[in-house]
Each structure stands twice: as structure tokens, then as C-alpha cells.
Amino acid sequence: MKKRKIMIVVTAVIALAAVAGCTDKVKSGISEVKRQQVTGIRIETVKPSPMDDLYETTGTIRPKTVSTVSGRLMGTITSVRVKEGDRVSAGQLLLTIDDSDVAHKVTAAAEGYTEAQKGLAAAKENRDLREVSLQRYRKLYDEKAMSRQELDQIETQKKVAVLDHERAEAAVKRVGAGLSEAKVYQGFSQVRSPVSGIVTEKKAEPGSMAIPGMPLVTVEDNSSYRLEVHVDEKISGRLKTGMKVSVFVDSLGREITGTISDVVQSVDPASRTFLVKVALQSEGLRSGFYARVGIPVGTKEVISVPKNTVVEKGQLTGIYTVDSASVIKYRLVRTGRTYGERIEVLSGLNPGDRIIVSGIDKAVDGGIAAAGQ
């Protein structure tokens, strides 16, 4: 038994000596590690700064003007000159409708107008003749060559001629108005675009029947757009027309500035929100685009950094920091809103931390920032 105990003790001593030797080697290896010196970088200290406190919501971009073009004449559609996606200008012909019936009415009205004009010419000649005759007979009456009764008869004939001329003038105006109306209806056979824009919907085909009031073509005015968003009732008193808001359009990958054009104060009792319309002016906008809007409702202290300092590695988002020992470390962060050329950092940084803001491509995780950087 004593021999076994002695052997166990000896074995333990040998094992401890081996571990001690390995530990010395590990320590020796650590002391021999040399960190890479990194130069050509610029370091700044993180400081909180006041930024707009934004109420964020989402909405859909729509054209400011959408024109649903309908027919005003019943008839068969004879031709359709546009298709979805076509750009059209104001007054451009979109489609035509058979105007055979109206054409006959125009012809009849034109003939009636011609006859009315002839009647007016005849009435005018008769009136002028009666006026000349009256002057002649008055001279005869003054010369006692005719009786008063005969003169009264001539004066009455002249008055009747004047009335006939007035009736003929009224008939010409009446028939002329009918002709103008018939021509207007004939013009309805040519359906034209009321605005310049893009054809987004076409519901008419040649051979189909057009009925007054039935939508035929939809044209969107693409010169100006607006964003429609529903906003929580809690901030209803803070919004005014003319207020500037930031709008980020995902499809374009950029932020633009919008202006509140309308605030509909009526609150939806189901969602407790009200409608706000934001006017937009920017290249590349399209109807139906999804957009996020930030409405300023106050200010708050946030930590923000230049956008170029944020480095993405795969699905990781981080920033190169420099600790008190000048060691560079890639620190994971969570970002928030963008403020121009700066971006909010929600977590991962604290006030007083030092970060690399220039020469980021030279930064090495675990490297040493050279003195003077």
C-alpha cells in the first residue's frame, strides 16, 4: 500500500510539472504576439447631439391628378389609339366613337340654318322696302295727296315688316344654336385626354359600345405626386400644411423632402388615425411606390455617426472603435434613422467611445492605432 501511494504521488508531481511547462510555453507565446500598427486613420469621440424626434409611418405614392375619361356619346367604338403605359399629352386623341347619327343631325341643322338665313335676308329686304314706301307716302300725305287712313295702313305694314325681321333674326339664332349643339355632340365622338400623363388603364376595345358616363381610359398626371399616409390622432395638433417632412422611397433607395399639402382632420374611429397628404417632387417617382415618412414632432438626444463609418460584414453591422490602449476593435451596432450624411446608432456605442471616421479601409480588427492618429 505504501508503494502504491508513493507511485501516485510521483505521478501527480510529474503531471504538475508537465502542466507548468505548458503554461510557461503559452505565456511565452502570448508575450511574443505583435499587433499590427495601423496608420492613415482619423479618430473621433462619440458625442450625443440633438436631432429631430420623428413620428414614422408608411404610405403609398399616388399621382396628384388621376383622370378617368368617360364617353359622352352613345355609339360603337370605332378605334382605340392608345394602350396602357403610353405617354399622352393634353388634347391628344385617345379613341373614336361612331358618329353617324350625330352627323345626320349636323347636316339637318346646317340646312335649317341656311334656310333661316335666307328667311332673314327676305325679311330684311321687306322691312327696308316698307321703310322707303312709308317715307314716300308721308310726303304724299303732307301734300294732301292721300288720306290719313291710307297712311296709317302703310305705317302698320312697316311695323309688321319690322316684327317679321325680328322673328327671322331670332329664328337664325335658334337654329344656329341647334347647329352648334349638334357639332358639339359630334365632337364627343373623338375622346381626347384632358391632361398630359401616362395611360394606366384601358377599358375600351374597337367594336364595343360606349355609353355616356362609362369609364373608357384612365390617365395619370405624372408631373406631380403625393404620398398618402394615416397618422395617429395623438399628433393631430402638431401638423400644418406647408410643413417639411422626410420621405424615404425604398424602390429608389433615397430620401427626398416632401411638403404637407392637406391634413384631413376627420379621425377614423376604427384605427384612430387621420389622413395626411404629402406633396412630392422628384425624378423617378411612380404611382404605387411604397414609402416611409418621418414627421418631426420635437427633438431628442441621439448618438449619430457618419454613414461611411458603418461597415457591413455579411449580415453583421459594426463600427471600428479604438479603446484606451489604442487597440482597434470591430464592434457590432444596431442602426436607426438616417439624418442626411449621418446615421443614428441605437445600441453598441456609448458617449465617449472613440471610432474611426477616416481611413476605414486600413482598419484591422485587433490592430494598434499608431500614435498621433
Protein backbone atom coordinates (compact mmCIF):
# COMPACT_ATOMS: atom_id res chain seq x y z
CA MET A 1 0.00 0.00 0.00
CA LYS A 2 2.83 2.40 0.82
CA LYS A 3 4.41 1.71 -2.56
CA ARG A 4 1.15 2.47 -4.38
CA LYS A 5 0.79 5.77 -2.53
CA ILE A 6 4.34 6.71 -3.37
CA MET A 7 3.76 5.95 -7.06
CA ILE A 8 0.55 8.02 -7.10
CA VAL A 9 2.34 10.99 -5.55
CA VAL A 10 5.20 10.71 -8.03
CA THR A 11 2.77 10.56 -10.92
CA ALA A 12 0.94 13.66 -9.70
CA VAL A 13 4.20 15.56 -9.34
CA ILE A 14 5.18 14.67 -12.90
CA ALA A 15 1.77 15.78 -14.22
CA LEU A 16 2.01 19.11 -12.39
CA ALA A 17 5.46 19.66 -13.81
CA ALA A 18 4.16 18.99 -17.33
CA VAL A 19 1.25 21.43 -16.88
CA ALA A 20 3.59 24.05 -15.50
CA GLY A 21 5.81 23.62 -18.53
CA CYS A 22 2.90 24.01 -20.93
CA THR A 23 1.69 27.09 -19.07
CA ASP A 24 5.10 28.69 -19.41
CA LYS A 25 5.05 27.98 -23.12
CA VAL A 26 1.56 29.52 -23.50
CA LYS A 27 2.60 32.59 -21.58
CA SER A 28 5.72 32.82 -23.63
CA GLY A 29 3.62 32.53 -26.85
CA ILE A 30 1.24 35.32 -25.78
CA SER A 31 4.06 37.62 -24.93
CA GLU A 32 5.52 37.03 -28.32
CA VAL A 33 2.30 38.22 -30.23
CA LYS A 34 2.87 41.56 -32.01
CA ARG A 35 -0.14 43.70 -33.06
CA GLN A 36 -0.17 45.38 -36.45
CA GLN A 37 0.42 49.12 -36.42
CA VAL A 38 -2.34 50.96 -38.33
CA THR A 39 -1.66 54.41 -39.77
CA GLY A 40 -3.57 56.82 -42.03
CA ILE A 41 -6.74 56.81 -39.97
CA ARG A 42 -8.66 59.55 -38.18
CA ILE A 43 -10.41 59.05 -34.85
CA GLU A 44 -13.31 60.98 -33.34
CA THR A 45 -15.02 60.78 -29.98
CA VAL A 46 -18.71 59.89 -29.96
CA LYS A 47 -20.95 62.65 -28.62
CA PRO A 48 -24.75 62.77 -28.41
CA SER A 49 -26.37 65.57 -30.40
CA PRO A 50 -29.93 66.94 -30.71
CA MET A 51 -31.88 65.59 -33.67
CA ASP A 52 -35.48 65.79 -34.81
CA ASP A 53 -37.75 63.37 -33.00
CA LEU A 54 -39.66 61.80 -35.87
CA TYR A 55 -43.02 60.10 -35.98
CA GLU A 56 -42.65 57.36 -38.57
CA THR A 57 -45.33 55.79 -40.71
CA THR A 58 -45.71 54.36 -44.18
CA GLY A 59 -47.88 55.09 -47.18
CA THR A 60 -48.37 54.76 -50.92
CA ILE A 61 -47.32 57.29 -53.55
CA ARG A 62 -50.11 58.36 -55.88
CA PRO A 63 -50.32 60.89 -58.70
CA LYS A 64 -51.78 64.24 -57.69
CA THR A 65 -54.27 64.07 -60.59
CA VAL A 66 -55.95 60.92 -61.91
CA SER A 67 -58.36 61.49 -64.81
CA THR A 68 -60.94 58.84 -65.58
CA VAL A 69 -62.00 59.61 -69.15
CA SER A 70 -65.60 58.67 -69.95
CA GLY A 71 -67.68 58.86 -73.10
CA ARG A 72 -70.38 61.50 -73.54
CA LEU A 73 -71.88 59.95 -76.65
CA MET A 74 -73.58 56.60 -77.10
CA GLY A 75 -72.22 54.64 -80.01
CA THR A 76 -69.89 51.94 -81.22
CA ILE A 77 -66.19 52.48 -80.55
CA THR A 78 -64.52 52.59 -83.96
CA SER A 79 -60.86 52.91 -82.93
CA VAL A 80 -58.61 53.00 -79.87
CA ARG A 81 -55.39 54.95 -80.37
CA VAL A 82 -53.55 54.21 -77.09
CA LYS A 83 -52.59 51.34 -74.80
CA GLU A 84 -51.51 51.01 -71.16
CA GLY A 85 -48.18 52.66 -70.49
CA ASP A 86 -48.39 55.16 -73.36
CA ARG A 87 -47.48 58.76 -72.65
CA VAL A 88 -50.09 61.21 -73.87
CA SER A 89 -50.35 64.97 -73.98
CA ALA A 90 -53.35 67.13 -73.13
CA GLY A 91 -55.80 67.14 -76.04
CA GLN A 92 -54.36 64.01 -77.67
CA LEU A 93 -56.91 61.71 -79.35
CA LEU A 94 -57.49 58.56 -77.31
CA LEU A 95 -60.36 56.84 -79.18
CA THR A 96 -63.20 57.49 -81.60
CA ILE A 97 -66.90 56.64 -81.47
CA ASP A 98 -69.23 56.12 -84.44
CA ASP A 99 -70.93 59.47 -85.12
CA SER A 100 -73.28 58.51 -87.99
CA ASP A 101 -76.45 59.54 -86.15
CA VAL A 102 -74.98 62.81 -84.97
CA ALA A 103 -73.58 63.55 -88.44
CA HIS A 104 -77.12 63.41 -89.88
CA LYS A 105 -78.32 65.78 -87.20
CA VAL A 106 -75.48 68.17 -88.02
CA THR A 107 -76.38 68.07 -91.70
CA ALA A 108 -80.06 68.72 -90.98
CA ALA A 109 -79.21 71.55 -88.59
CA ALA A 110 -76.87 73.10 -91.16
CA GLU A 111 -79.60 73.04 -93.82
CA GLY A 112 -82.09 74.57 -91.39
CA TYR A 113 -79.58 77.28 -90.56
CA THR A 114 -79.16 78.09 -94.25
CA GLU A 115 -82.95 78.37 -94.72
CA ALA A 116 -83.23 80.58 -91.65
CA GLN A 117 -80.57 82.89 -93.02
CA LYS A 118 -82.49 83.16 -96.33
CA GLY A 119 -85.66 83.98 -94.41
CA LEU A 120 -83.78 86.66 -92.50
CA ALA A 121 -82.49 88.19 -95.73
CA ALA A 122 -86.02 88.28 -97.18
CA ALA A 123 -87.43 89.82 -94.03
CA LYS A 124 -84.73 92.48 -94.07
CA GLU A 125 -85.47 93.42 -97.68
CA ASN A 126 -89.18 93.61 -96.94
CA ARG A 127 -88.53 95.78 -93.88
CA ASP A 128 -86.29 98.13 -95.88
CA LEU A 129 -88.88 98.33 -98.66
CA ARG A 130 -91.64 99.19 -96.21
CA GLU A 131 -89.44 101.90 -94.71
CA VAL A 132 -88.86 103.52 -98.13
CA SER A 133 -92.56 103.27 -99.01
CA LEU A 134 -93.52 104.85 -95.71
CA GLN A 135 -91.29 107.85 -96.34
CA ARG A 136 -92.80 108.33 -99.82
CA TYR A 137 -96.38 108.10 -98.58
CA ARG A 138 -95.69 110.59 -95.78
CA LYS A 139 -94.68 113.14 -98.38
CA LEU A 140 -97.90 112.49 -100.29
CA TYR A 141 -99.89 112.88 -97.07
CA ASP A 142 -98.14 116.17 -96.35
CA GLU A 143 -99.11 117.33 -99.82
CA LYS A 144 -102.72 116.34 -99.15
CA ALA A 145 -102.49 113.74 -101.90
CA MET A 146 -103.71 110.86 -99.68
CA SER A 147 -105.89 110.36 -96.67
CA ARG A 148 -104.84 109.68 -93.11
CA GLN A 149 -106.34 106.22 -93.25
CA GLU A 150 -104.13 105.24 -96.17
CA LEU A 151 -101.03 106.50 -94.30
CA ASP A 152 -101.97 104.51 -91.19
CA GLN A 153 -102.24 101.39 -93.33
CA ILE A 154 -98.72 101.94 -94.73
CA GLU A 155 -97.30 102.55 -91.23
CA THR A 156 -98.90 99.32 -90.00
CA GLN A 157 -97.37 97.36 -92.86
CA LYS A 158 -93.95 98.78 -91.96
CA LYS A 159 -94.34 97.75 -88.30
CA VAL A 160 -95.32 94.23 -89.38
CA ALA A 161 -92.24 94.07 -91.60
CA VAL A 162 -90.04 95.08 -88.65
CA LEU A 163 -91.59 92.35 -86.49
CA ASP A 164 -91.09 89.78 -89.27
CA HIS A 165 -87.42 90.78 -89.44
CA GLU A 166 -87.00 90.38 -85.67
CA ARG A 167 -88.65 86.96 -85.79
CA ALA A 168 -86.31 85.96 -88.64
CA GLU A 169 -83.28 87.08 -86.58
CA ALA A 170 -84.49 85.05 -83.58
CA ALA A 171 -85.02 82.02 -85.84
CA VAL A 172 -81.47 82.30 -87.16
CA LYS A 173 -80.07 82.44 -83.60
CA ARG A 174 -82.22 79.49 -82.52
CA VAL A 175 -81.32 77.33 -85.50
CA GLY A 176 -77.64 78.39 -85.17
CA ALA A 177 -77.64 77.27 -81.52
CA GLY A 178 -79.05 73.91 -82.59
CA LEU A 179 -76.32 73.58 -85.20
CA SER A 180 -73.63 74.41 -82.63
CA GLU A 181 -75.08 71.87 -80.23
CA ALA A 182 -75.11 69.19 -82.92
CA LYS A 183 -71.47 69.96 -83.75
CA VAL A 184 -70.55 69.73 -80.05
CA TYR A 185 -72.15 66.31 -79.84
CA GLN A 186 -70.33 65.31 -82.98
CA GLY A 187 -67.09 66.38 -81.26
CA PHE A 188 -67.88 63.90 -78.46
CA SER A 189 -67.18 61.14 -80.96
CA GLN A 190 -63.49 61.98 -80.53
CA VAL A 191 -62.40 61.28 -76.96
CA ARG A 192 -59.29 63.26 -76.02
CA SER A 193 -57.02 63.30 -72.98
CA PRO A 194 -57.78 66.13 -70.53
CA VAL A 195 -54.21 66.11 -69.10
CA SER A 196 -50.70 65.11 -70.02
CA GLY A 197 -49.57 61.89 -68.40
CA ILE A 198 -49.48 58.11 -68.68
CA VAL A 199 -52.31 55.78 -69.66
CA THR A 200 -52.67 53.37 -66.74
CA GLU A 201 -55.91 51.62 -67.68
CA LYS A 202 -57.82 51.00 -70.90
CA LYS A 203 -61.34 49.58 -70.73
CA ALA A 204 -62.38 50.17 -74.34
CA GLU A 205 -61.92 47.99 -77.40
CA PRO A 206 -62.97 48.60 -81.01
CA GLY A 207 -66.49 47.30 -81.60
CA SER A 208 -67.66 47.67 -78.00
CA MET A 209 -70.45 50.08 -77.09
CA ALA A 210 -69.67 53.40 -75.45
CA ILE A 211 -72.27 54.70 -73.01
CA PRO A 212 -72.26 58.22 -71.53
CA GLY A 213 -70.53 58.15 -68.16
CA MET A 214 -68.88 54.76 -68.71
CA PRO A 215 -65.09 54.88 -67.94
CA LEU A 216 -63.03 54.23 -71.04
CA VAL A 217 -59.44 55.26 -70.26
CA THR A 218 -57.56 56.32 -67.10
CA VAL A 219 -54.74 58.86 -67.44
CA GLU A 220 -52.41 59.71 -64.54
CA ASP A 221 -50.67 63.07 -64.48
CA ASN A 222 -47.04 62.12 -63.81
CA SER A 223 -45.80 65.70 -63.40
CA SER A 224 -46.50 65.70 -59.65
CA TYR A 225 -47.13 63.07 -56.99
CA ARG A 226 -48.27 62.91 -53.41
CA LEU A 227 -47.86 60.45 -50.56
CA GLU A 228 -50.95 59.49 -48.60
CA VAL A 229 -50.33 58.34 -45.02
CA HIS A 230 -52.51 57.67 -42.00
CA VAL A 231 -51.21 59.36 -38.84
CA ASP A 232 -52.02 58.68 -35.20
CA GLU A 233 -54.55 61.09 -33.72
CA LYS A 234 -52.12 61.94 -30.86
CA ILE A 235 -50.11 64.28 -33.09
CA SER A 236 -53.04 65.87 -34.93
CA GLY A 237 -52.41 69.27 -33.36
CA ARG A 238 -48.76 69.36 -34.45
CA LEU A 239 -49.28 69.07 -38.20
CA LYS A 240 -49.82 72.03 -40.50
CA THR A 241 -49.90 72.47 -44.25
CA GLY A 242 -46.53 73.58 -45.58
CA MET A 243 -44.56 71.55 -43.02
CA LYS A 244 -41.48 69.78 -44.42
CA VAL A 245 -41.14 66.02 -43.85
CA SER A 246 -38.57 63.42 -44.88
CA VAL A 247 -39.70 60.63 -47.21
CA PHE A 248 -37.64 57.54 -47.96
CA VAL A 249 -38.63 55.68 -51.12
CA ASP A 250 -37.37 52.09 -50.93
CA SER A 251 -37.64 51.48 -54.67
CA LEU A 252 -35.37 54.45 -55.41
CA GLY A 253 -33.10 53.86 -52.42
CA ARG A 254 -33.01 57.54 -51.49
CA GLU A 255 -34.57 60.08 -49.20
CA ILE A 256 -36.44 63.11 -50.52
CA THR A 257 -38.12 66.08 -48.89
CA GLY A 258 -41.88 66.40 -49.04
CA THR A 259 -44.35 69.11 -48.04
CA ILE A 260 -47.62 68.50 -46.22
CA SER A 261 -50.32 69.74 -48.61
CA ASP A 262 -53.51 68.51 -46.92
CA VAL A 263 -54.46 67.47 -43.40
CA VAL A 264 -57.83 65.72 -43.18
CA GLN A 265 -58.79 66.27 -39.55
CA SER A 266 -61.58 63.66 -39.59
CA VAL A 267 -60.37 60.70 -37.47
CA ASP A 268 -61.19 57.12 -38.42
CA PRO A 269 -62.84 55.65 -35.28
CA ALA A 270 -61.60 52.14 -36.13
CA SER A 271 -57.88 52.92 -36.48
CA ARG A 272 -57.77 56.22 -34.55
CA THR A 273 -55.82 57.80 -37.41
CA PHE A 274 -56.38 60.63 -39.87
CA LEU A 275 -55.24 61.14 -43.44
CA VAL A 276 -52.28 63.36 -44.36
CA LYS A 277 -51.23 64.11 -47.94
CA VAL A 278 -47.59 64.98 -48.70
CA ALA A 279 -46.68 66.69 -51.98
CA LEU A 280 -43.57 65.22 -53.67
CA GLN A 281 -41.33 66.45 -56.47
CA SER A 282 -38.54 64.11 -57.57
CA GLU A 283 -37.31 62.19 -60.58
CA GLY A 284 -38.19 58.52 -60.92
CA LEU A 285 -41.39 58.52 -58.85
CA ARG A 286 -44.11 56.08 -59.88
CA SER A 287 -47.67 55.53 -58.82
CA GLY A 288 -47.95 52.77 -56.23
CA PHE A 289 -44.42 53.11 -54.80
CA TYR A 290 -44.10 52.24 -51.10
CA ALA A 291 -42.55 54.98 -48.98
CA ARG A 292 -41.70 55.72 -45.35
CA VAL A 293 -42.26 59.18 -43.95
CA GLY A 294 -40.71 60.84 -40.91
CA ILE A 295 -42.75 63.70 -39.43
CA PRO A 296 -40.88 65.95 -36.96
CA VAL A 297 -42.74 66.15 -33.63
CA GLY A 298 -39.90 67.50 -31.41
CA THR A 299 -36.19 66.98 -30.68
CA LYS A 300 -34.18 64.30 -28.85
CA GLU A 301 -30.57 63.49 -27.99
CA VAL A 302 -29.19 60.72 -30.17
CA ILE A 303 -25.84 59.15 -30.93
CA SER A 304 -25.12 59.53 -34.62
CA VAL A 305 -22.05 58.75 -36.73
CA PRO A 306 -21.07 59.44 -40.34
CA LYS A 307 -22.69 56.87 -42.63
CA ASN A 308 -19.31 55.85 -44.07
CA THR A 309 -18.15 54.61 -40.65
CA VAL A 310 -20.70 51.76 -40.64
CA VAL A 311 -19.09 48.60 -42.03
CA GLU A 312 -21.16 45.59 -43.01
CA LYS A 313 -19.60 42.13 -42.96
CA GLY A 314 -22.08 39.64 -44.31
CA GLN A 315 -25.13 40.07 -42.11
CA LEU A 316 -23.18 41.86 -39.40
CA THR A 317 -23.20 45.63 -38.97
CA GLY A 318 -20.41 47.23 -36.99
CA ILE A 319 -18.08 50.16 -36.45
CA TYR A 320 -14.32 50.16 -35.84
CA THR A 321 -13.61 51.54 -32.36
CA VAL A 322 -10.35 52.37 -30.61
CA ASP A 323 -10.05 51.61 -26.87
CA SER A 324 -7.90 53.30 -24.24
CA ALA A 325 -4.96 51.07 -25.16
CA SER A 326 -5.27 52.16 -28.84
CA VAL A 327 -6.44 48.66 -29.81
CA ILE A 328 -8.82 48.66 -32.82
CA LYS A 329 -11.94 46.54 -32.38
CA TYR A 330 -14.83 45.82 -34.73
CA ARG A 331 -17.88 46.43 -32.55
CA LEU A 332 -21.37 45.28 -33.55
CA VAL A 333 -24.02 48.02 -33.55
CA ARG A 334 -27.69 48.47 -34.35
CA THR A 335 -28.51 51.45 -36.53
CA GLY A 336 -31.65 53.54 -36.82
CA ARG A 337 -32.74 56.55 -38.85
CA THR A 338 -30.61 58.40 -41.36
CA TYR A 339 -30.12 62.13 -40.89
CA GLY A 340 -28.56 63.41 -44.10
CA GLU A 341 -24.96 62.12 -44.09
CA ARG A 342 -25.22 60.74 -40.57
CA ILE A 343 -26.95 57.67 -39.19
CA GLU A 344 -28.37 57.02 -35.74
CA VAL A 345 -26.80 54.26 -33.61
CA LEU A 346 -29.40 52.69 -31.33
CA SER A 347 -27.08 50.31 -29.48
CA GLY A 348 -23.42 49.28 -29.45
CA LEU A 349 -21.89 52.72 -28.83
CA ASN A 350 -21.77 54.97 -25.79
CA PRO A 351 -20.88 58.64 -25.40
CA GLY A 352 -17.11 58.98 -25.07
CA ASP A 353 -16.28 55.97 -27.27
CA ARG A 354 -13.70 56.60 -29.96
CA ILE A 355 -14.39 55.49 -33.52
CA ILE A 356 -12.51 55.52 -36.81
CA VAL A 357 -14.11 58.02 -39.21
CA SER A 358 -11.47 58.17 -41.95
CA GLY A 359 -9.16 55.55 -43.48
CA ILE A 360 -11.63 52.83 -42.54
CA ASP A 361 -10.30 50.59 -45.31
CA LYS A 362 -7.00 50.45 -43.43
CA ALA A 363 -8.56 49.45 -40.11
CA VAL A 364 -7.65 45.96 -38.82
CA ASP A 365 -9.55 44.28 -36.04
CA GLY A 366 -7.00 43.82 -33.22
CA GLY A 367 -4.55 46.31 -34.70
CA ILE A 368 -2.93 49.20 -32.87
CA ALA A 369 -3.78 52.75 -33.87
CA ALA A 370 -0.45 54.50 -34.37
CA ALA A 371 0.31 57.42 -32.09
CA GLY A 372 -0.94 60.74 -33.38
CA GLN A 373 -3.93 59.28 -35.25
